[in-house]
Structure formats: structure tokens, C-alpha cells
Amino acid sequence: MALADPAGCAKGGEDSNPFPDIIELNVGGQVYITRHPTLVSVPGSLLWEMFTQKNARSLARDSKGRFFVDRDGFLFRYILDYLRDRQLVLPEHFPERGRLQREAEYFVLPELVKLLAPKLSEQNSLGDDPCQSDPEELSPGADAARSLASAAAAPPGAVPGAAEGRRAGFITIGYRGSYTLGRDSQTDAKFRRVARIMVCGKTSLAKEVFGDTLNESRDPDRPPERYTSRYYLKFTFLEQAFDKLADAGFHMVACNSTGTCAFAHEQTDDRIWTSYTEYVFYRE
């Protein structure tokens, strides 16, 4: 007699369902715990196919035995909410409608796709729907296309970046650094790489400038017209941030830096210094 998969057997073994009633999912690094009937509540969907038509052993698992789905872990919460009660409830000024629609298409949820699609088609009109996407939340690609169209229509000699529709505002870039300096002032300092580049400013401006290179995981539901200091970049080279800001028409208007001696070695007199630096950029 073949041995049953411990993770795939229903509690009590009273039916032939190879999946447990409570299922743990790892979706893009985010862990979700839900019931099996919830996952298979939409016949024909991808999750229905995975958890009814396939063998539990054939599905991908992570190191802890959880079923693994290689999709956006943050957006999956809305997919799961829809499976529970068949309603679409999103935060006010939700900025990820396009990406959520793509996830709904991937999971083969046509009714959810229909609920999201009208929101994308109303960008050029002002309707009465209170959940309509905020005009400030156009994607970086749409902003780029709009900027190119405005530049093409501008008279010869017009200043780049002055195209109509580009919002004015400030963006502050900050980072912490450290370096070791020996007792001999002529000795080369040993610098450590920048661990994280912080982004402070209006949410809509930050997303417009940095696009997919912006990590929003610490403040994912921030409305577009609100300010945040919790975003950071997915790369660690300041020049990359400066290039993106310059391409978007921003100019540095101020900077400041502070440094303190965090540690001094008793035997070598080597000193480890830490610093925090901010660069303030502005676009008219």
C-alpha cells in the first residue's frame, strides 16, 4: 500500500481529497493560511485547477513544505479576499489596479477582471464612481508617453521638463554610510557600500520617477497625494537615483550631511565613522 503524503492528506482521512482543509501558501514570499474550499470556490480558475485537478505532490513547495506560488505576494491578499466573498474591496486611492488586473487574469478570474477593467478605461473621464483610479496614479509608462507627446507638440527651443502635465515638487534622497579611518591620516579610508537609499516625498512623484525600482513594502497603501519617508530603492548606487531624477527633470537644490565616530578600537586606534546624508531635488 502506497504511503500518503502527510501534508496532502485531509485530517481524519475520511474522504479522498488529497489536500488538507487548512492550507498554507507561500505567494512570492508572503505566507497566507486559508481553507481549501476558499481556494477552489471558483471552478475553472487556476487555483481550482491546482487544488482539485492536480496531485498534491506535483505542486511546488517551499523549504517549510508550504505550497509555493511565484506571484506578487502583496496583491494576492485581494485575490484571496475576492475568493472569500466575491466582492472587490480596495483601499481608497489604490495605486495598483493595473497590476491587480494582471494577477486576476493569471489566476483565471474573469469576473474579477471585469470589475477591474472599467476602472482602467475611465482615466480620461470623471465619473461618479468613488473608487475610480486617482488621476495622479498614471503608470510611469503612461507618464513617459504623455511627456513625449507634450515635447513633440512644444515649440522649438522649449525647455525639456517644462511640458504640461508634469507635477512640481520635492524629492529627498537619504542614505547612511560608514567608513574606517586609521591613526595615520594618510592611510586610505575603508569605505562600506551604501546599504539602503531612502526616498522621501509625495507618493505619486516617487512612483513616477523611480517606477519598478521603488520598494514600497514598508508603506504599500499610501495614497498618491500623501507624503512618505518609508520608501527605499532596490539598488545601492546613488548615481542611479540621480540619473533617474535628472531624466525626470529634477535638479538638486540642497544637501546636508552629518558624521559621528561610532567606535574606536583600543589597540589599533582605528575609528569607525557613520554618516547620514540627504540630497534635496526639486522640479518646477
Protein backbone atom coordinates (compact mmCIF):
# COMPACT_ATOMS: atom_id res chain seq x y z
CA MET A 1 0.00 0.00 0.00
CA ALA A 2 1.41 3.43 -1.01
CA LEU A 3 2.22 5.83 1.79
CA ALA A 4 0.12 9.01 1.89
CA ASP A 5 1.72 12.45 1.78
CA PRO A 6 1.45 13.88 5.36
CA ALA A 7 0.99 17.42 4.03
CA GLY A 8 -1.55 16.33 1.47
CA CYS A 9 -3.92 14.19 3.50
CA ALA A 10 -7.12 15.54 4.94
CA LYS A 11 -7.46 15.33 8.66
CA GLY A 12 -9.06 12.06 9.66
CA GLY A 13 -8.74 10.64 6.11
CA GLU A 14 -12.49 10.38 5.77
CA ASP A 15 -12.60 11.39 2.08
CA SER A 16 -10.40 11.07 -0.98
CA ASN A 17 -9.39 14.73 -1.05
CA PRO A 18 -5.55 14.75 -1.09
CA PHE A 19 -5.43 18.28 0.31
CA PRO A 20 -5.91 19.32 3.95
CA ASP A 21 -8.79 21.56 4.94
CA ILE A 22 -6.35 24.26 6.11
CA ILE A 23 -3.74 25.16 3.51
CA GLU A 24 -0.60 27.24 3.91
CA LEU A 25 0.54 29.19 0.86
CA ASN A 26 3.78 31.00 0.15
CA VAL A 27 2.98 33.57 -2.52
CA GLY A 28 6.06 35.48 -3.58
CA GLY A 29 7.48 35.28 -0.07
CA GLN A 30 4.22 36.24 1.71
CA VAL A 31 2.60 33.50 3.78
CA TYR A 32 -1.18 33.02 3.68
CA ILE A 33 -3.30 30.49 5.57
CA THR A 34 -6.77 29.73 4.24
CA ARG A 35 -9.26 26.90 3.81
CA HIS A 36 -9.26 24.54 0.87
CA PRO A 37 -12.90 25.36 -0.08
CA THR A 38 -11.91 29.02 -0.42
CA LEU A 39 -9.16 28.27 -2.93
CA VAL A 40 -11.44 26.12 -5.11
CA SER A 41 -14.52 28.32 -4.84
CA VAL A 42 -14.27 29.47 -8.49
CA PRO A 43 -14.47 26.44 -10.82
CA GLY A 44 -12.12 26.72 -13.76
CA SER A 45 -9.75 29.14 -12.05
CA LEU A 46 -6.06 28.40 -11.77
CA LEU A 47 -6.29 27.77 -8.03
CA TRP A 48 -9.26 25.46 -8.57
CA GLU A 49 -7.21 23.51 -11.09
CA MET A 50 -4.17 23.39 -8.80
CA PHE A 51 -6.05 22.17 -5.73
CA THR A 52 -8.60 19.81 -7.32
CA GLN A 53 -7.23 18.52 -10.61
CA LYS A 54 -3.55 18.14 -9.68
CA ASN A 55 -1.82 15.83 -7.27
CA ALA A 56 -0.56 17.50 -4.10
CA ARG A 57 2.89 16.09 -4.70
CA SER A 58 3.15 17.72 -8.12
CA LEU A 59 2.79 21.25 -6.74
CA ALA A 60 5.83 23.35 -5.84
CA ARG A 61 6.72 23.67 -2.16
CA ASP A 62 9.00 25.96 -0.20
CA SER A 63 11.59 24.82 2.34
CA LYS A 64 8.92 24.52 5.05
CA GLY A 65 6.53 22.44 2.96
CA ARG A 66 4.09 25.24 2.14
CA PHE A 67 2.59 25.34 -1.37
CA PHE A 68 4.54 27.92 -3.36
CA VAL A 69 3.07 30.30 -5.96
CA ASP A 70 5.50 32.57 -7.77
CA ARG A 71 3.33 35.69 -7.99
CA ASP A 72 3.01 39.09 -6.28
CA GLY A 73 2.59 38.30 -2.59
CA PHE A 74 1.22 41.74 -1.70
CA LEU A 75 -1.56 41.71 -4.32
CA PHE A 76 -2.59 38.14 -3.55
CA ARG A 77 -4.40 39.37 -0.43
CA TYR A 78 -7.02 40.96 -2.72
CA ILE A 79 -7.30 37.78 -4.79
CA LEU A 80 -7.95 35.81 -1.61
CA ASP A 81 -10.49 38.35 -0.33
CA TYR A 82 -12.36 38.07 -3.63
CA LEU A 83 -12.44 34.27 -3.39
CA ARG A 84 -13.96 34.53 0.08
CA ASP A 85 -16.97 36.74 -0.65
CA ARG A 86 -16.96 37.54 -4.40
CA GLN A 87 -16.62 41.27 -3.78
CA LEU A 88 -13.90 43.71 -4.77
CA VAL A 89 -12.99 45.99 -1.86
CA LEU A 90 -9.86 48.10 -2.33
CA PRO A 91 -8.28 50.88 -0.25
CA GLU A 92 -9.04 54.45 -1.25
CA HIS A 93 -6.71 55.73 -4.00
CA PHE A 94 -5.49 52.17 -4.63
CA PRO A 95 -2.48 52.59 -6.96
CA GLU A 96 -2.12 49.01 -8.25
CA ARG A 97 -5.28 48.44 -10.31
CA GLY A 98 -3.41 47.56 -13.48
CA ARG A 99 -1.16 45.07 -11.72
CA LEU A 100 -4.09 43.56 -9.81
CA GLN A 101 -5.97 43.08 -13.08
CA ARG A 102 -2.95 41.24 -14.44
CA GLU A 103 -2.96 38.99 -11.38
CA ALA A 104 -6.67 38.32 -11.82
CA GLU A 105 -6.03 37.31 -15.43
CA TYR A 106 -3.21 35.00 -14.35
CA PHE A 107 -5.41 33.26 -11.76
CA VAL A 108 -8.21 32.97 -14.40
CA LEU A 109 -10.81 35.00 -12.51
CA PRO A 110 -12.85 36.59 -15.33
CA GLU A 111 -15.43 38.25 -13.07
CA LEU A 112 -12.70 39.97 -11.08
CA VAL A 113 -11.07 41.09 -14.33
CA LYS A 114 -14.38 42.68 -15.36
CA LEU A 115 -14.64 44.52 -12.03
CA LEU A 116 -11.18 45.98 -12.54
CA ALA A 117 -11.28 46.70 -16.28
CA PRO A 118 -13.78 49.64 -16.20
CA LYS A 119 -11.52 51.49 -13.78
CA LEU A 120 -8.73 51.45 -16.32
CA SER A 121 -10.95 52.73 -19.13
CA GLU A 122 -12.13 55.83 -17.27
CA GLN A 123 -8.82 57.66 -17.00
CA ASN A 124 -9.95 60.28 -19.50
CA SER A 125 -13.35 60.97 -17.91
CA LEU A 126 -14.61 61.96 -14.49
CA GLY A 127 -17.32 59.55 -13.41
CA ASP A 128 -19.35 59.28 -10.25
CA ASP A 129 -17.66 56.07 -9.11
CA PRO A 130 -15.96 56.81 -5.77
CA CYS A 131 -13.43 54.00 -6.39
CA GLN A 132 -12.17 55.43 -9.67
CA SER A 133 -8.39 55.40 -10.01
CA ASP A 134 -6.82 58.67 -8.96
CA PRO A 135 -5.57 60.73 -11.96
CA GLU A 136 -2.26 61.09 -10.14
CA GLU A 137 -1.74 57.33 -10.35
CA LEU A 138 -0.92 57.00 -14.03
CA SER A 139 1.77 54.43 -14.61
CA PRO A 140 5.37 55.52 -15.33
CA GLY A 141 4.89 54.29 -18.91
CA ALA A 142 1.81 56.47 -19.34
CA ASP A 143 3.65 59.45 -17.87
CA ALA A 144 6.53 58.88 -20.27
CA ALA A 145 4.20 58.68 -23.26
CA ARG A 146 2.42 61.85 -22.15
CA SER A 147 5.73 63.66 -21.72
CA LEU A 148 6.92 62.61 -25.19
CA ALA A 149 3.68 63.77 -26.76
CA SER A 150 3.92 67.13 -24.99
CA ALA A 151 7.55 67.54 -26.02
CA ALA A 152 6.69 66.84 -29.66
CA ALA A 153 3.99 69.50 -29.58
CA ALA A 154 6.21 72.07 -27.87
CA PRO A 155 7.68 74.93 -29.94
CA PRO A 156 11.37 74.81 -30.96
CA GLY A 157 13.67 75.89 -28.13
CA ALA A 158 11.27 74.89 -25.38
CA VAL A 159 12.94 73.79 -22.17
CA PRO A 160 12.77 69.99 -21.62
CA GLY A 161 10.84 69.08 -18.50
CA ALA A 162 8.53 72.08 -18.79
CA ALA A 163 5.89 70.06 -20.63
CA GLU A 164 2.36 70.48 -19.42
CA GLY A 165 1.22 67.81 -17.00
CA ARG A 166 4.49 67.34 -15.13
CA ARG A 167 3.87 67.98 -11.47
CA ALA A 168 6.16 70.20 -9.44
CA GLY A 169 7.52 69.04 -6.13
CA PHE A 170 10.40 67.94 -3.93
CA ILE A 171 12.03 64.52 -3.55
CA THR A 172 14.65 63.90 -0.86
CA ILE A 173 17.22 61.14 -1.19
CA GLY A 174 18.92 59.98 2.01
CA TYR A 175 21.44 57.30 2.87
CA ARG A 176 23.59 56.11 5.74
CA GLY A 177 27.22 55.22 5.25
CA SER A 178 30.21 54.19 7.32
CA TYR A 179 33.97 54.05 6.93
CA THR A 180 37.04 53.09 8.95
CA LEU A 181 39.94 55.52 9.36
CA GLY A 182 43.29 54.52 10.90
CA ARG A 183 45.56 56.55 13.15
CA ASP A 184 47.65 57.62 10.14
CA SER A 185 45.62 60.27 8.39
CA GLN A 186 47.40 59.40 5.13
CA THR A 187 46.08 55.84 5.20
CA ASP A 188 43.29 55.16 2.76
CA ALA A 189 39.92 55.03 4.42
CA LYS A 190 38.00 51.78 4.15
CA PHE A 191 34.51 52.59 2.95
CA ARG A 192 31.48 50.35 3.21
CA ARG A 193 28.88 50.21 0.49
CA VAL A 194 25.59 52.07 0.84
CA ALA A 195 23.15 49.65 2.42
CA ARG A 196 19.89 51.43 1.59
CA ILE A 197 18.86 54.58 -0.27
CA MET A 198 15.78 56.19 1.28
CA VAL A 199 13.20 58.18 -0.69
CA CYS A 200 11.07 60.88 0.95
CA GLY A 201 8.36 62.90 -0.74
CA LYS A 202 4.93 62.71 -2.34
CA THR A 203 3.96 59.16 -3.23
CA SER A 204 2.86 59.96 -6.79
CA LEU A 205 6.14 61.74 -7.59
CA ALA A 206 8.27 58.96 -6.15
CA LYS A 207 6.45 56.32 -8.22
CA GLU A 208 6.64 58.44 -11.36
CA VAL A 209 10.40 58.91 -11.08
CA PHE A 210 11.55 55.50 -9.83
CA GLY A 211 8.85 53.13 -11.11
CA ASP A 212 9.64 49.47 -10.50
CA THR A 213 12.93 50.30 -8.78
CA LEU A 214 10.97 51.76 -5.83
CA ASN A 215 10.41 49.39 -2.90
CA GLU A 216 7.03 50.21 -1.32
CA SER A 217 6.86 47.22 1.03
CA ARG A 218 7.07 49.32 4.22
CA ASP A 219 4.23 51.67 3.16
CA PRO A 220 2.21 49.81 0.48
CA ASP A 221 -1.18 51.56 0.78
CA ARG A 222 -0.06 55.19 0.87
CA PRO A 223 -2.46 57.38 -1.23
CA PRO A 224 -0.85 59.24 -4.16
CA GLU A 225 -1.23 62.74 -2.68
CA ARG A 226 0.17 61.81 0.72
CA TYR A 227 3.82 62.05 1.72
CA THR A 228 6.01 59.22 2.93
CA SER A 229 9.53 58.72 4.27
CA ARG A 230 9.43 54.92 4.26
CA TYR A 231 10.17 54.10 0.62
CA TYR A 232 13.61 52.96 -0.45
CA LEU A 233 15.27 51.92 -3.71
CA LYS A 234 16.08 48.42 -4.92
CA PHE A 235 19.61 49.42 -5.96
CA THR A 236 22.51 50.78 -3.90
CA PHE A 237 24.24 53.26 -6.21
CA LEU A 238 23.40 56.91 -5.63
CA GLU A 239 24.29 57.75 -9.23
CA GLN A 240 21.43 55.57 -10.45
CA ALA A 241 18.99 57.58 -8.33
CA PHE A 242 20.50 60.85 -9.57
CA ASP A 243 20.20 59.71 -13.21
CA LYS A 244 16.51 58.89 -12.79
CA LEU A 245 15.82 62.23 -11.12
CA ALA A 246 17.70 64.11 -13.85
CA ASP A 247 15.79 62.25 -16.57
CA ALA A 248 12.54 63.29 -14.88
CA GLY A 249 13.57 66.98 -14.87
CA PHE A 250 14.62 67.32 -11.22
CA HIS A 251 17.56 69.45 -10.07
CA MET A 252 19.40 69.25 -6.76
CA VAL A 253 18.74 72.36 -4.67
CA ALA A 254 20.28 71.45 -1.30
CA CYS A 255 22.23 68.78 0.54
CA ASN A 256 23.49 68.17 4.05
CA SER A 257 25.50 65.54 5.89
CA THR A 258 26.32 64.61 9.49
CA GLY A 259 29.02 62.29 10.79
CA THR A 260 29.82 60.76 14.17
CA CYS A 261 32.51 58.43 15.50
CA ALA A 262 30.65 55.26 16.37
CA PHE A 263 33.56 53.13 17.56
CA ALA A 264 37.29 53.39 18.32
CA HIS A 265 39.47 50.28 18.54
CA GLU A 266 41.54 50.29 21.75
CA GLN A 267 44.66 48.67 20.23
CA THR A 268 44.85 49.99 16.68
CA ASP A 269 43.16 53.36 17.19
CA ASP A 270 41.09 52.66 14.08
CA ARG A 271 37.89 54.64 14.18
CA ILE A 272 34.62 53.68 12.53
CA TRP A 273 32.63 56.72 11.45
CA THR A 274 28.99 56.75 10.47
CA SER A 275 27.31 59.43 8.42
CA TYR A 276 23.86 60.36 7.18
CA THR A 277 23.48 62.43 4.00
CA GLU A 278 20.43 63.93 2.33
CA TYR A 279 20.03 65.41 -1.14
CA VAL A 280 17.00 67.54 -1.91
CA PHE A 281 15.74 67.65 -5.51
CA TYR A 282 13.08 69.94 -6.98
CA ARG A 283 11.17 70.09 -10.27
CA GLU A 284 9.31 73.21 -11.31
